Amino acid sequence: MIEPAKKDIGREVLYVHPYRRDRVARVGTITDFDLHCVYVRYGEHISVGNRRQDLEWVVDPSLQRPASI
């Protein structure tokens, strides 16, 4: 889970779908956030609202590992 601040806009996060057994992760970039959602752009797609608890910070983009691991 992340708690973004304004300085984190543009930072990469890792999304792992909470109900998928294969735990496939997606890396995206924070574009905005509000009280309910963190908006993340995946690739060239439009930003998607995500729950904070489904996101982790990317420590090393080449490893694509969240900070909690």
Protein backbone atom coordinates (compact mmCIF):
# COMPACT_ATOMS: atom_id res chain seq x y z
CA MET A 1 0.00 0.00 0.00
CA ILE A 2 1.21 3.49 -0.80
CA GLU A 3 0.38 6.92 0.59
CA PRO A 4 1.27 9.31 -2.24
CA ALA A 5 2.13 12.98 -1.88
CA LYS A 6 2.18 15.64 -4.60
CA LYS A 7 5.95 15.02 -5.03
CA ASP A 8 5.13 11.41 -6.04
CA ILE A 9 3.29 12.38 -9.22
CA GLY A 10 5.44 10.94 -12.01
CA ARG A 11 6.82 8.17 -9.80
CA GLU A 12 6.49 4.52 -10.84
CA VAL A 13 4.32 2.07 -8.95
CA LEU A 14 3.66 -1.63 -9.18
CA TYR A 15 0.07 -2.89 -9.42
CA VAL A 16 -0.71 -6.49 -8.50
CA HIS A 17 -4.33 -7.52 -9.02
CA PRO A 18 -5.61 -8.66 -5.61
CA TYR A 19 -7.74 -11.56 -6.95
CA ARG A 20 -5.54 -13.08 -9.65
CA ARG A 21 -3.76 -16.23 -8.62
CA ASP A 22 -0.85 -15.70 -11.01
CA ARG A 23 -0.10 -12.32 -9.33
CA VAL A 24 0.95 -10.75 -12.64
CA ALA A 25 2.22 -7.22 -11.96
CA ARG A 26 1.94 -4.07 -14.05
CA VAL A 27 4.21 -1.05 -13.76
CA GLY A 28 2.72 2.38 -14.28
CA THR A 29 3.26 6.05 -13.50
CA ILE A 30 1.22 8.09 -11.04
CA THR A 31 -0.55 10.95 -12.82
CA ASP A 32 -2.76 12.17 -9.96
CA PHE A 33 -4.55 11.07 -6.80
CA ASP A 34 -7.43 12.03 -4.54
CA LEU A 35 -8.96 10.74 -1.30
CA HIS A 36 -10.31 7.61 -2.98
CA CYS A 37 -7.99 6.66 -5.86
CA VAL A 38 -4.48 6.87 -7.20
CA TYR A 39 -4.54 7.49 -10.96
CA VAL A 40 -1.90 5.51 -12.80
CA ARG A 41 -1.00 5.48 -16.52
CA TYR A 42 -0.01 2.07 -17.86
CA GLY A 43 1.87 2.37 -21.16
CA GLU A 44 0.27 4.94 -23.43
CA HIS A 45 -3.22 4.33 -22.10
CA ILE A 46 -5.37 6.80 -20.24
CA SER A 47 -4.89 6.93 -16.46
CA VAL A 48 -6.83 4.38 -14.44
CA GLY A 49 -8.03 4.79 -10.85
CA ASN A 50 -6.49 2.25 -8.46
CA ARG A 51 -6.92 1.54 -4.77
CA ARG A 52 -3.90 2.50 -2.64
CA GLN A 53 -3.76 -0.99 -1.13
CA ASP A 54 -3.25 -2.53 -4.59
CA LEU A 55 -0.12 -0.46 -5.30
CA GLU A 56 3.50 -0.67 -4.14
CA TRP A 57 6.43 1.61 -4.91
CA VAL A 58 8.89 0.44 -7.58
CA VAL A 59 12.36 0.44 -6.04
CA ASP A 60 14.32 -0.60 -9.13
CA PRO A 61 12.37 -0.41 -12.43
CA SER A 62 14.61 -3.07 -13.99
CA LEU A 63 13.68 -5.49 -11.22
CA GLN A 64 10.05 -4.35 -10.96
CA ARG A 65 9.96 -5.22 -7.29
CA PRO A 66 7.84 -3.37 -4.72
CA ALA A 67 9.42 -1.71 -1.72
CA SER A 68 7.74 -4.19 0.67
CA ILE A 69 9.62 -7.22 -0.73
